[in-house]
Protein backbone atom coordinates (compact mmCIF):
# COMPACT_ATOMS: atom_id res chain seq x y z
CA MET A 1 35.04 -15.56 41.84
CA LYS A 2 35.98 -14.43 45.41
CA LEU A 3 39.41 -15.26 46.73
CA GLN A 4 41.10 -14.68 50.06
CA GLY A 5 44.62 -15.23 51.36
CA LYS A 6 47.91 -13.82 52.58
CA ALA A 7 50.08 -11.62 50.41
CA TRP A 8 53.56 -12.74 49.35
CA LYS A 9 55.49 -9.86 47.70
CA PHE A 10 58.09 -9.95 44.96
CA GLY A 11 59.75 -7.17 42.99
CA ASN A 12 60.21 -6.22 39.34
CA ASP A 13 61.04 -8.59 36.47
CA VAL A 14 60.31 -11.89 38.24
CA ASP A 15 61.17 -14.19 35.38
CA THR A 16 59.99 -17.74 34.72
CA ASP A 17 63.33 -19.08 35.95
CA ILE A 18 62.64 -17.57 39.36
CA ILE A 19 59.05 -18.92 39.34
CA ILE A 20 60.25 -22.45 38.40
CA ALA A 21 63.92 -22.98 37.69
CA ALA A 22 64.92 -24.68 34.48
CA ARG A 23 66.49 -27.58 36.43
CA TYR A 24 62.94 -28.73 37.26
CA LEU A 25 61.52 -28.59 33.76
CA ASN A 26 62.04 -32.31 33.16
CA SER A 27 58.76 -32.81 35.02
CA SER A 28 55.28 -31.65 34.00
CA ASP A 29 53.74 -33.00 37.25
CA PRO A 30 52.02 -30.04 38.96
CA ALA A 31 52.77 -31.40 42.43
CA GLU A 32 56.45 -31.67 41.71
CA LEU A 33 56.58 -28.25 40.18
CA ALA A 34 54.71 -26.83 43.25
CA ARG A 35 57.45 -28.10 45.53
CA HIS A 36 59.91 -25.82 43.78
CA CYS A 37 57.67 -22.75 43.08
CA MET A 38 59.58 -19.47 43.57
CA GLU A 39 62.53 -21.41 44.94
CA ASP A 40 65.13 -19.12 43.39
CA GLY A 41 63.32 -16.02 44.71
CA ASP A 42 62.42 -17.32 48.14
CA PRO A 43 63.83 -20.81 48.90
CA GLU A 44 61.15 -21.39 51.59
CA PHE A 45 58.13 -20.11 49.59
CA ALA A 46 56.74 -23.49 48.71
CA SER A 47 56.83 -24.70 52.29
CA LYS A 48 55.29 -21.50 53.70
CA VAL A 49 52.60 -20.67 51.15
CA GLN A 50 49.05 -21.76 52.09
CA PRO A 51 46.12 -22.57 49.84
CA GLY A 52 44.45 -19.32 48.82
CA ASP A 53 47.49 -17.10 49.37
CA MET A 54 48.35 -14.56 46.68
CA ILE A 55 51.56 -13.47 44.99
CA LEU A 56 51.94 -9.69 44.57
CA ALA A 57 54.70 -8.37 42.35
CA ALA A 58 55.85 -5.20 40.72
CA LYS A 59 56.39 -4.77 36.93
CA ASN A 60 56.86 -7.42 34.24
CA PHE A 61 55.94 -10.52 36.30
CA GLY A 62 56.54 -13.73 34.32
CA CYS A 63 59.09 -12.38 31.89
CA GLY A 64 61.64 -14.65 30.33
CA SER A 65 60.91 -17.90 28.50
CA SER A 66 57.35 -18.80 27.58
CA ARG A 67 57.05 -21.99 29.57
CA GLU A 68 53.60 -22.95 30.86
CA HIS A 69 55.42 -24.63 33.83
CA ALA A 70 55.51 -21.25 35.56
CA PRO A 71 51.77 -20.59 36.07
CA ILE A 72 51.25 -24.36 36.61
CA ALA A 73 53.73 -24.28 39.51
CA ILE A 74 52.09 -21.19 41.05
CA LYS A 75 48.60 -22.66 40.81
CA ALA A 76 49.70 -26.07 42.03
CA ALA A 77 51.40 -24.46 45.02
CA GLY A 78 47.97 -23.26 46.14
CA VAL A 79 48.29 -19.62 45.10
CA SER A 80 44.76 -18.34 44.30
CA CYS A 81 45.85 -15.45 42.15
CA VAL A 82 48.70 -13.13 41.19
CA VAL A 83 48.37 -9.38 41.40
CA ALA A 84 51.07 -7.27 39.73
CA LYS A 85 51.70 -3.86 38.27
CA SER A 86 52.13 -5.57 34.91
CA PHE A 87 52.68 -9.02 33.38
CA ALA A 88 54.84 -10.30 30.55
CA ARG A 89 52.57 -10.91 27.61
CA ILE A 90 53.11 -14.67 27.21
CA PHE A 91 52.85 -15.32 30.98
CA TYR A 92 49.58 -13.36 31.00
CA ARG A 93 48.02 -15.69 28.42
CA ASN A 94 49.56 -18.84 29.84
CA ALA A 95 48.10 -18.00 33.26
CA PHE A 96 44.57 -17.90 31.84
CA ASN A 97 45.19 -20.96 29.75
CA ILE A 98 45.86 -23.02 32.85
CA GLY A 99 43.13 -21.34 34.91
CA LEU A 100 45.23 -19.03 37.18
CA PRO A 101 43.53 -15.63 37.81
CA ILE A 102 45.81 -12.61 37.48
CA LEU A 103 45.07 -8.97 38.04
CA GLU A 104 46.88 -5.71 37.34
CA CYS A 105 46.72 -3.11 40.18
CA PRO A 106 49.78 -0.88 40.69
CA GLU A 107 48.32 0.96 43.68
CA ALA A 108 47.81 -2.28 45.65
CA ILE A 109 51.38 -3.36 44.92
CA ASP A 110 52.73 -0.05 46.29
CA GLU A 111 50.68 -0.17 49.52
CA VAL A 112 50.06 -3.82 50.54
CA GLN A 113 52.67 -5.31 52.86
CA GLU A 114 53.78 -8.95 52.78
CA GLY A 115 51.66 -10.92 55.19
CA ASP A 116 48.55 -8.69 54.82
CA THR A 117 45.33 -10.67 54.23
CA LEU A 118 43.57 -9.81 51.02
CA ALA A 119 40.11 -10.51 49.66
CA VAL A 120 39.85 -10.35 45.84
CA ASP A 121 36.71 -10.31 43.75
CA ALA A 122 38.00 -11.14 40.26
CA ALA A 123 34.67 -10.34 38.66
CA THR A 124 34.70 -6.74 39.79
CA GLY A 125 38.46 -6.30 40.18
CA THR A 126 38.04 -5.23 43.80
CA ILE A 127 40.97 -5.94 46.15
CA GLN A 128 40.34 -5.44 49.85
CA ASN A 129 43.20 -5.36 52.28
CA LEU A 130 41.55 -6.94 55.29
CA THR A 131 44.56 -6.08 57.44
CA THR A 132 44.36 -2.28 56.83
CA GLY A 133 40.79 -1.82 55.60
CA LYS A 134 42.04 -0.21 52.35
CA GLU A 135 40.34 -1.08 49.05
CA TYR A 136 41.82 -1.03 45.55
CA GLN A 137 40.40 -1.34 42.09
CA ALA A 138 42.19 -3.61 39.64
CA VAL A 139 41.22 -4.15 35.99
CA PRO A 140 38.44 -6.74 36.21
CA ILE A 141 38.98 -10.02 34.40
CA PRO A 142 36.72 -10.05 31.32
CA ASP A 143 33.77 -12.45 31.35
CA PHE A 144 35.13 -14.76 28.67
CA MET A 145 38.46 -15.07 30.53
CA ARG A 146 36.70 -15.78 33.81
CA GLN A 147 34.81 -18.60 32.02
CA ILE A 148 38.13 -20.12 31.05
CA ILE A 149 39.40 -19.81 34.72
CA ASP A 150 36.12 -21.20 36.11
CA ALA A 151 36.49 -24.24 33.77
CA GLY A 152 39.97 -24.90 35.12
CA GLY A 153 41.80 -23.68 32.04
CA LEU A 154 41.52 -23.46 28.28
CA ILE A 155 41.56 -27.20 27.57
CA SER A 156 38.79 -27.87 30.05
CA TYR A 157 36.84 -24.88 28.69
CA VAL A 158 37.05 -26.17 25.15
CA LYS A 159 36.07 -29.70 26.25
CA GLU A 160 33.01 -28.30 27.99
CA ARG A 161 32.02 -26.39 24.93
CA VAL A 162 32.41 -29.40 22.61
CA ASN A 163 30.44 -31.65 24.95
CA LYS A 164 27.59 -29.11 25.10
CA ASN A 165 27.36 -29.07 21.31
CA VAL A 166 27.43 -32.84 20.88
C-alpha cells in the first residue's frame, strides 16, 4: 500500500470533536461528514485538502469520545492516512475498522513541515519526505490489519471471508 500526498499538521490532543464536531453527528453520510472534517481545528481544511493528502499530528490523536464518525470523516475527506506520535486507543481501532491507515512516527512529526509532500509505504512503514529528501521509519502496519484496510474496513473484510468460505 503506497500513498502520496501533502502534509497537513495538527498538534497534541486533537480530539474527536475537532475532527468532526458533535453538531454534525446527526448524519452518518460520509460525504456530509467530510464537508466538516477538522472544521473546529482548521475551518478551511475540508475545502483545501486534496485526495491522497495526509494528516500529521503530535500525541494522542483522536482522543475524546469513541465515535466512528471521526475516522469516517477523515477518510471521506480524501485523506489517505494519518501519521502521529501516538493515537488514542479507541480511535486507533476505529480507524482500522473503517479502512483508514494510521502510522506512528514521532521523528516525522517533529521534522515534516505543513505542505511537504510525503510518500508512505504502509507495508514497510517507510515515510519519505519528497520535499526534503529525508526518510523516516514508522511502525509498519501488521499484515492482518493491512488486509482489513485493503478490504475497505472490518465489515467488508468479514464479508469477503464469509463469501470465500461459502
